[in-house]
Structures are given as C-alpha cells and as structure tokens.
Amino acid sequence: MDTLLGMRLFAAIVSTGSFTAAASRLGMSKALASKYLNQLEQRLGVRLLQRTTRHLSLTDVGQIYYTRCQSLLEAVDELEAAIQDRQESPQGRLSITAPQTFGEGYLASAMALFLKQYPQVTVELNLTDRFVNLLEEGFDLGLRIGDLADSSLVARRLASIRIITCAAPWYLEQHGTPAHPRELGAHICVIDTNIDVPARWLYRIDGEQRLIEVGGPFRANSARAVRELVIAGAGIGRCPAYAVADAVRDGRLCRLLQNYESVEYGLYVVYPHRQYLAAKVRALIEFLVARFGVRPDWE
C-alpha cells in the first residue's frame, strides 16, 4: 500500500464515517480497507481511529493527521486535474438537485446557457424543497439555500439571498403600511412554512434580533405560492429576494421594513467530494460561480 492511497482511505473513512462507504468510494472491499488502515497505523506507529462495531472516532493525533491529509490531498488532486484533464471536453449526464422556486426562476434558464456552451452534456434537473442526500440518491451536485449543517459534502458559497417583507400596493391602500415590525400583528400575513419558525418573523430592532409574532389564514410550503398570494393582495409576506425581485421591480409588490431586515441566507453549490471531479462537474461549478457569484439578478 502506498502512502497516498493510505491517506485517501483514511480521509474517506473519516468523511463518510464508515469503512463500507469509504471502501465503496475507493473501489475496494471493506476487508481490504480495514487491512490498509491497519498498515497505515502500523507504519506511523500511532492509532488514528478508535473503532467499535458501531462507532468510529478520531484520536487526538488522528485529528491532526486528518487535517493535514485533507490539505495535502486537495493539493495533489488540483495538480493532477490541472495536468491530466483541464483540456478534457465536458460530456455525459449531469444529475442536479435544487430548491423548487429557485430552480424554476433562475437555475433552469442558467442551465440552458450552460448547455449551449457544452453541447455534449445532458442535464437531469430534480427540483424539490426537501433535503436530498446526494450520495444516497446519486446526484452529481446540488444547490442549497440556508445555513448548512456539518457534513462530508464540499460546499462552495455562490451568493447571498436576503429575505424581504413585501405586499401588493392595493393591500397597503386598504390596510395601511406598517412602519415598524411590531405593527405586523395588526395585519394579515401570508406564512411560508418552509421557514424554521413560520409564524415568528425575525427582524433587527434597536440593534438586536427580535422575533415578531404574525398570523393569517394563508400558509404555504412554497416561496412561489407565497409570492402569488401576496401579489394577489392576500396579505403581507416574507420571501427570498430571488422569488419576488421581478415583482418589486415592476411595481406589483412594495418592499416593506427595509431598515429592519436581518435575515440573509447563503446560496451554495454542494458536491460529494473534491477528488476526481469529472470535467462536466467542474465546468458546471465554474459556470455557477460566474453566473451567480458576482451580483446575482435578484439584487
């Protein structure tokens, strides 16, 4: 077993939390993976992992070794990619997942441009607001919005997405315009149940984050549905900027309480690992960075 393979195996075991998953990623049997890890520990003269039948955990020296392994392996992979296949033409099927409203409003049209640049690529786009396990469900990459939980996925931030408060002009004519978040309690609000605490909206008041109780007869688990309800005058809503930017620009919606806005999420592209990125995946990541990473359309 060479040193680089041992490092790759060790890093894969840590990132996946499993000998079986790591062995599958590297195309070897679980028994061979266990043998190679034992050889690595013997050569180093230290124990890197504490393992039982149900649990794996890093030793102190294992944590140090893992951190250094990660940076070294990334450097090796970047070097090999630069030499071996920078000139490779992206081709084949790309399987992508993304949130529904963002995918419909922005990603679909972006993918049309991507396919013009890379005609040998085909795309399968799965739009859903549920959490998708990329590894288990076989996706090449995904787009995610929000605060990402720790995971073995590689995440690259593309842009920021503000959550804005808005209402239709004629709703405001009938019910008045709130000048302070506390006034929302007297208004009909359209509630997006995808938000962590749907009926408590977060604002910055007097320099502090405050949750404001809101209510109304309309609830939906879709940013697009909330947008349409608000445009129709059903009440005041809170939506991601990308969902309502066009309606704010053309006057169908009025933006409210801008001085109190405090919620901003990240838009990320996530993918299973840095190792052996196919040219099609690398090309799409670079395309998405260029498309959304400077000043996205919803700004």
Protein backbone atom coordinates (compact mmCIF):
# COMPACT_ATOMS: atom_id res chain seq x y z
CA MET A 1 0.00 0.00 0.00
CA ASP A 2 1.44 3.39 -0.95
CA THR A 3 1.25 6.39 1.35
CA LEU A 4 -1.11 8.40 -0.85
CA LEU A 5 -3.65 5.56 -1.04
CA GLY A 6 -3.47 5.18 2.73
CA MET A 7 -4.13 8.88 3.20
CA ARG A 8 -7.05 8.78 0.75
CA LEU A 9 -8.56 5.80 2.51
CA PHE A 10 -8.18 7.34 5.96
CA ALA A 11 -9.72 10.64 4.82
CA ALA A 12 -12.62 8.78 3.16
CA ILE A 13 -13.32 6.78 6.33
CA VAL A 14 -13.44 9.97 8.40
CA SER A 15 -15.58 11.95 5.93
CA THR A 16 -18.12 9.15 5.41
CA GLY A 17 -17.98 7.78 8.96
CA SER A 18 -17.92 4.25 7.59
CA PHE A 19 -15.43 1.65 6.37
CA THR A 20 -18.07 0.34 3.96
CA ALA A 21 -18.77 3.73 2.36
CA ALA A 22 -15.08 4.59 2.17
CA ALA A 23 -14.25 1.24 0.57
CA SER A 24 -17.05 1.73 -1.96
CA ARG A 25 -15.79 5.22 -2.82
CA LEU A 26 -12.28 3.89 -3.48
CA GLY A 27 -13.41 0.72 -5.26
CA MET A 28 -12.14 -1.85 -2.75
CA SER A 29 -13.63 -4.31 -0.30
CA LYS A 30 -14.34 -3.43 3.32
CA ALA A 31 -11.85 -6.08 4.43
CA LEU A 32 -9.11 -4.57 2.27
CA ALA A 33 -9.91 -1.09 3.58
CA SER A 34 -9.55 -2.34 7.17
CA LYS A 35 -6.26 -4.03 6.29
CA TYR A 36 -4.88 -0.88 4.67
CA LEU A 37 -5.84 1.30 7.64
CA ASN A 38 -4.10 -1.13 9.99
CA GLN A 39 -0.98 -0.97 7.80
CA LEU A 40 -1.09 2.84 7.85
CA GLU A 41 -1.33 2.92 11.64
CA GLN A 42 1.48 0.39 11.98
CA ARG A 43 3.72 2.39 9.67
CA LEU A 44 3.04 5.60 11.59
CA GLY A 45 3.25 3.85 14.96
CA VAL A 46 0.06 5.52 16.24
CA ARG A 47 -3.67 4.80 16.44
CA LEU A 48 -5.61 7.18 14.21
CA LEU A 49 -9.13 5.92 14.88
CA GLN A 50 -10.93 4.48 17.87
CA ARG A 51 -13.38 1.96 16.47
CA THR A 52 -16.05 -0.31 17.82
CA THR A 53 -18.69 -2.34 15.99
CA ARG A 54 -20.98 0.73 15.96
CA HIS A 55 -18.83 3.83 16.19
CA LEU A 56 -15.73 5.47 14.76
CA SER A 57 -13.96 8.43 16.34
CA LEU A 58 -10.68 10.22 15.74
CA THR A 59 -7.89 10.10 18.28
CA ASP A 60 -6.12 13.39 19.02
CA VAL A 61 -3.25 12.52 16.72
CA GLY A 62 -5.76 11.21 14.19
CA GLN A 63 -7.43 14.63 14.09
CA ILE A 64 -4.09 16.29 13.36
CA TYR A 65 -3.28 13.74 10.66
CA TYR A 66 -6.73 14.12 9.08
CA THR A 67 -6.45 17.91 8.87
CA ARG A 68 -3.06 17.70 7.17
CA CYS A 69 -4.23 14.86 4.91
CA GLN A 70 -7.12 16.96 3.65
CA SER A 71 -4.93 19.86 2.57
CA LEU A 72 -2.31 17.59 1.01
CA LEU A 73 -4.86 15.52 -0.91
CA GLU A 74 -6.59 18.63 -2.21
CA ALA A 75 -3.26 19.97 -3.46
CA VAL A 76 -2.46 16.66 -5.18
CA ASP A 77 -5.92 16.48 -6.79
CA GLU A 78 -5.72 20.05 -8.03
CA LEU A 79 -2.29 19.38 -9.53
CA GLU A 80 -3.43 16.17 -11.24
CA ALA A 81 -6.57 17.84 -12.58
CA ALA A 82 -4.54 20.71 -13.99
CA ILE A 83 -2.18 18.33 -15.77
CA GLN A 84 -4.42 15.45 -16.78
CA ASP A 85 -7.75 16.80 -17.89
CA ARG A 86 -8.00 20.57 -17.98
CA GLN A 87 -8.36 20.19 -21.73
CA GLU A 88 -10.94 17.42 -21.48
CA SER A 89 -14.24 18.36 -23.09
CA PRO A 90 -17.14 18.13 -20.56
CA GLN A 91 -19.57 15.42 -21.63
CA GLY A 92 -22.12 12.97 -20.27
CA ARG A 93 -25.13 13.23 -18.00
CA LEU A 94 -25.22 15.65 -15.06
CA SER A 95 -27.71 14.95 -12.29
CA ILE A 96 -28.55 18.10 -10.28
CA THR A 97 -30.93 18.90 -7.46
CA ALA A 98 -32.07 22.37 -6.34
CA PRO A 99 -34.89 24.10 -4.40
CA GLN A 100 -38.10 24.30 -6.43
CA THR A 101 -38.73 28.04 -6.69
CA PHE A 102 -35.07 28.94 -7.24
CA GLY A 103 -34.71 26.18 -9.81
CA GLU A 104 -37.75 27.31 -11.77
CA GLY A 105 -36.96 31.00 -11.60
CA TYR A 106 -33.19 31.07 -12.10
CA LEU A 107 -31.43 27.73 -12.47
CA ALA A 108 -33.44 26.40 -15.43
CA SER A 109 -32.62 29.41 -17.63
CA ALA A 110 -28.98 29.29 -16.48
CA MET A 111 -28.76 25.62 -17.47
CA ALA A 112 -29.97 26.49 -20.98
CA LEU A 113 -26.92 28.75 -21.34
CA PHE A 114 -24.65 26.08 -19.86
CA LEU A 115 -25.86 23.51 -22.40
CA LYS A 116 -25.15 25.93 -25.25
CA GLN A 117 -21.56 26.15 -24.04
CA TYR A 118 -21.23 22.39 -23.54
CA PRO A 119 -23.42 20.62 -26.13
CA GLN A 120 -22.03 17.18 -25.23
CA VAL A 121 -23.51 17.41 -21.73
CA THR A 122 -27.07 16.35 -20.84
CA VAL A 123 -28.78 17.51 -17.66
CA GLU A 124 -31.31 15.87 -15.37
CA LEU A 125 -32.67 18.55 -13.03
CA ASN A 126 -34.59 17.50 -9.91
CA LEU A 127 -36.39 20.38 -8.16
CA THR A 128 -37.56 19.80 -4.61
CA ASP A 129 -37.60 21.67 -1.31
CA ARG A 130 -36.87 18.53 0.70
CA PHE A 131 -33.38 17.69 1.93
CA VAL A 132 -31.69 15.46 -0.64
CA ASN A 133 -28.86 13.08 0.21
CA LEU A 134 -26.55 13.48 -2.79
CA LEU A 135 -24.58 10.32 -2.15
CA GLU A 136 -27.51 8.01 -1.49
CA GLU A 137 -29.63 9.37 -4.35
CA GLY A 138 -26.85 9.59 -6.91
CA PHE A 139 -26.66 13.32 -7.66
CA ASP A 140 -23.50 14.90 -9.04
CA LEU A 141 -24.15 18.14 -7.21
CA GLY A 142 -26.88 20.25 -5.65
CA LEU A 143 -27.75 23.84 -4.89
CA ARG A 144 -28.80 24.64 -1.34
CA ILE A 145 -30.05 27.74 0.41
CA GLY A 146 -29.60 28.37 4.13
CA ASP A 147 -27.18 27.59 6.90
CA LEU A 148 -25.53 24.30 6.01
CA ALA A 149 -25.16 21.61 8.63
CA ASP A 150 -21.76 19.99 9.02
CA SER A 151 -21.42 17.10 6.60
CA SER A 152 -18.96 15.30 4.40
CA LEU A 153 -20.09 17.38 1.40
CA VAL A 154 -17.91 20.04 -0.14
CA ALA A 155 -19.76 23.38 -0.18
CA ARG A 156 -18.92 26.50 -2.17
CA ARG A 157 -20.81 29.69 -1.46
CA LEU A 158 -22.14 31.40 -4.57
CA ALA A 159 -24.20 34.35 -3.33
CA SER A 160 -26.27 35.84 -0.54
CA ILE A 161 -30.07 35.77 -0.51
CA ARG A 162 -31.96 38.28 1.60
CA ILE A 163 -35.41 37.57 2.97
CA ILE A 164 -37.59 40.61 2.33
CA THR A 165 -41.02 41.73 3.51
CA CYS A 166 -43.45 42.84 0.82
CA ALA A 167 -47.10 43.47 -0.05
CA ALA A 168 -49.23 44.43 -3.04
CA PRO A 169 -49.91 48.20 -3.42
CA TRP A 170 -53.66 47.76 -3.21
CA TYR A 171 -53.40 45.71 0.00
CA LEU A 172 -51.47 48.62 1.54
CA GLU A 173 -54.06 51.10 0.29
CA GLN A 174 -56.79 49.16 2.09
CA HIS A 175 -54.94 48.19 5.27
CA GLY A 176 -52.15 50.74 5.66
CA THR A 177 -48.37 50.37 5.50
CA PRO A 178 -46.58 49.06 8.61
CA ALA A 179 -43.75 51.37 9.67
CA HIS A 180 -42.38 49.02 12.33
CA PRO A 181 -42.26 45.20 12.63
CA ARG A 182 -44.42 45.34 15.76
CA GLU A 183 -47.29 46.65 13.60
CA LEU A 184 -47.39 43.35 11.69
CA GLY A 185 -49.59 41.89 14.42
CA ALA A 186 -52.45 44.05 13.13
CA HIS A 187 -52.04 42.83 9.55
CA ILE A 188 -52.92 39.72 7.58
CA CYS A 189 -49.69 37.82 6.87
CA VAL A 190 -49.02 35.04 4.37
CA ILE A 191 -46.82 32.45 6.02
CA ASP A 192 -44.17 30.28 4.34
CA THR A 193 -44.00 27.02 6.29
CA ASN A 194 -40.56 26.22 4.84
CA ILE A 195 -39.09 28.73 7.32
CA ASP A 196 -37.81 27.27 10.60
CA VAL A 197 -40.31 29.22 12.75
CA PRO A 198 -43.01 30.09 10.20
CA ALA A 199 -45.23 32.41 12.25
CA ARG A 200 -42.40 34.29 14.01
CA TRP A 201 -40.53 36.64 11.71
CA LEU A 202 -37.03 37.80 12.59
CA TYR A 203 -36.07 41.49 12.43
CA ARG A 204 -33.27 43.67 13.77
CA ILE A 205 -34.80 46.15 16.22
CA ASP A 206 -32.65 48.57 18.25
CA GLY A 207 -29.57 46.60 17.28
CA GLU A 208 -30.95 43.26 18.47
CA GLN A 209 -32.55 40.29 16.74
CA ARG A 210 -36.23 40.09 17.64
CA LEU A 211 -38.92 37.59 16.68
CA ILE A 212 -42.28 39.11 15.80
CA GLU A 213 -45.46 37.04 16.06
CA VAL A 214 -47.57 37.13 12.89
CA GLY A 215 -50.76 35.44 11.77
CA GLY A 216 -53.13 34.98 8.90
CA PRO A 217 -55.37 32.47 7.16
CA PHE A 218 -52.85 31.62 4.41
CA ARG A 219 -49.95 29.18 4.79
CA ALA A 220 -47.94 27.52 2.04
CA ASN A 221 -44.77 25.42 1.81
CA SER A 222 -43.62 27.16 -1.36
CA ALA A 223 -41.96 30.54 -1.85
CA ARG A 224 -43.65 30.82 -5.25
CA ALA A 225 -47.09 30.19 -3.74
CA VAL A 226 -46.46 32.84 -1.06
CA ARG A 227 -45.36 35.26 -3.77
CA GLU A 228 -48.53 34.71 -5.81
CA LEU A 229 -50.76 35.08 -2.75
CA VAL A 230 -49.05 38.34 -1.82
CA ILE A 231 -49.26 39.71 -5.37
CA ALA A 232 -52.98 38.84 -5.31
CA GLY A 233 -53.38 41.03 -2.21
CA ALA A 234 -53.89 38.21 0.29
CA GLY A 235 -51.62 39.89 2.84
CA ILE A 236 -48.04 40.75 3.73
CA GLY A 237 -45.42 38.11 3.04
CA ARG A 238 -41.75 37.35 3.58
CA CYS A 239 -39.99 35.87 0.60
CA PRO A 240 -36.47 35.20 -0.65
CA ALA A 241 -35.35 38.11 -2.81
CA TYR A 242 -35.00 35.86 -5.87
CA ALA A 243 -38.70 34.90 -5.66
CA VAL A 244 -40.04 38.48 -5.77
CA ALA A 245 -37.32 40.62 -7.38
CA ASP A 246 -39.17 40.99 -10.70
CA ALA A 247 -42.47 41.86 -8.99
CA VAL A 248 -40.76 44.52 -6.85
CA ARG A 249 -39.06 46.00 -9.92
CA ASP A 250 -42.28 46.30 -11.93
CA GLY A 251 -44.38 47.63 -9.05
CA ARG A 252 -46.62 44.63 -8.40
CA LEU A 253 -45.10 44.42 -4.92
CA CYS A 254 -43.85 47.06 -2.49
CA ARG A 255 -40.89 46.31 -0.26
CA LEU A 256 -41.52 46.98 3.44
CA LEU A 257 -39.49 47.41 6.63
CA GLN A 258 -36.14 47.56 4.85
CA ASN A 259 -34.43 49.23 7.82
CA TYR A 260 -35.27 46.22 9.99
CA GLU A 261 -34.18 43.41 7.66
CA SER A 262 -31.81 40.94 9.28
CA VAL A 263 -32.20 37.57 7.61
CA GLU A 264 -29.75 36.59 4.90
CA TYR A 265 -29.04 33.09 3.68
CA GLY A 266 -26.23 31.69 1.58
CA LEU A 267 -26.68 30.06 -1.82
CA TYR A 268 -24.26 27.13 -2.07
CA VAL A 269 -23.27 24.56 -4.64
CA VAL A 270 -22.53 21.28 -2.84
CA TYR A 271 -20.96 18.09 -4.14
CA PRO A 272 -19.79 14.83 -2.58
CA HIS A 273 -16.00 15.27 -2.65
CA ARG A 274 -13.12 17.12 -4.24
CA GLN A 275 -11.39 14.00 -5.50
CA TYR A 276 -11.51 13.10 -9.19
CA LEU A 277 -14.04 15.76 -10.17
CA ALA A 278 -15.30 14.99 -13.66
CA ALA A 279 -14.80 17.73 -16.23
CA LYS A 280 -18.59 18.16 -16.55
CA VAL A 281 -18.96 18.76 -12.79
CA ARG A 282 -16.02 21.13 -12.61
CA ALA A 283 -17.33 23.05 -15.64
CA LEU A 284 -20.76 23.46 -14.05
CA ILE A 285 -19.30 24.65 -10.73
CA GLU A 286 -17.22 27.27 -12.52
CA PHE A 287 -20.26 28.28 -14.60
CA LEU A 288 -22.43 28.72 -11.48
CA VAL A 289 -19.76 30.79 -9.76
CA ALA A 290 -19.58 33.09 -12.79
CA ARG A 291 -23.38 33.23 -13.14
CA PHE A 292 -24.37 33.90 -9.53
CA GLY A 293 -21.17 34.79 -7.72
CA VAL A 294 -20.70 38.46 -8.60
CA ARG A 295 -24.04 40.28 -8.47
CA PRO A 296 -26.98 37.92 -8.96
CA ASP A 297 -30.05 39.06 -10.90
CA TRP A 298 -32.27 39.26 -7.80
CA GLU A 299 -30.07 42.06 -6.45
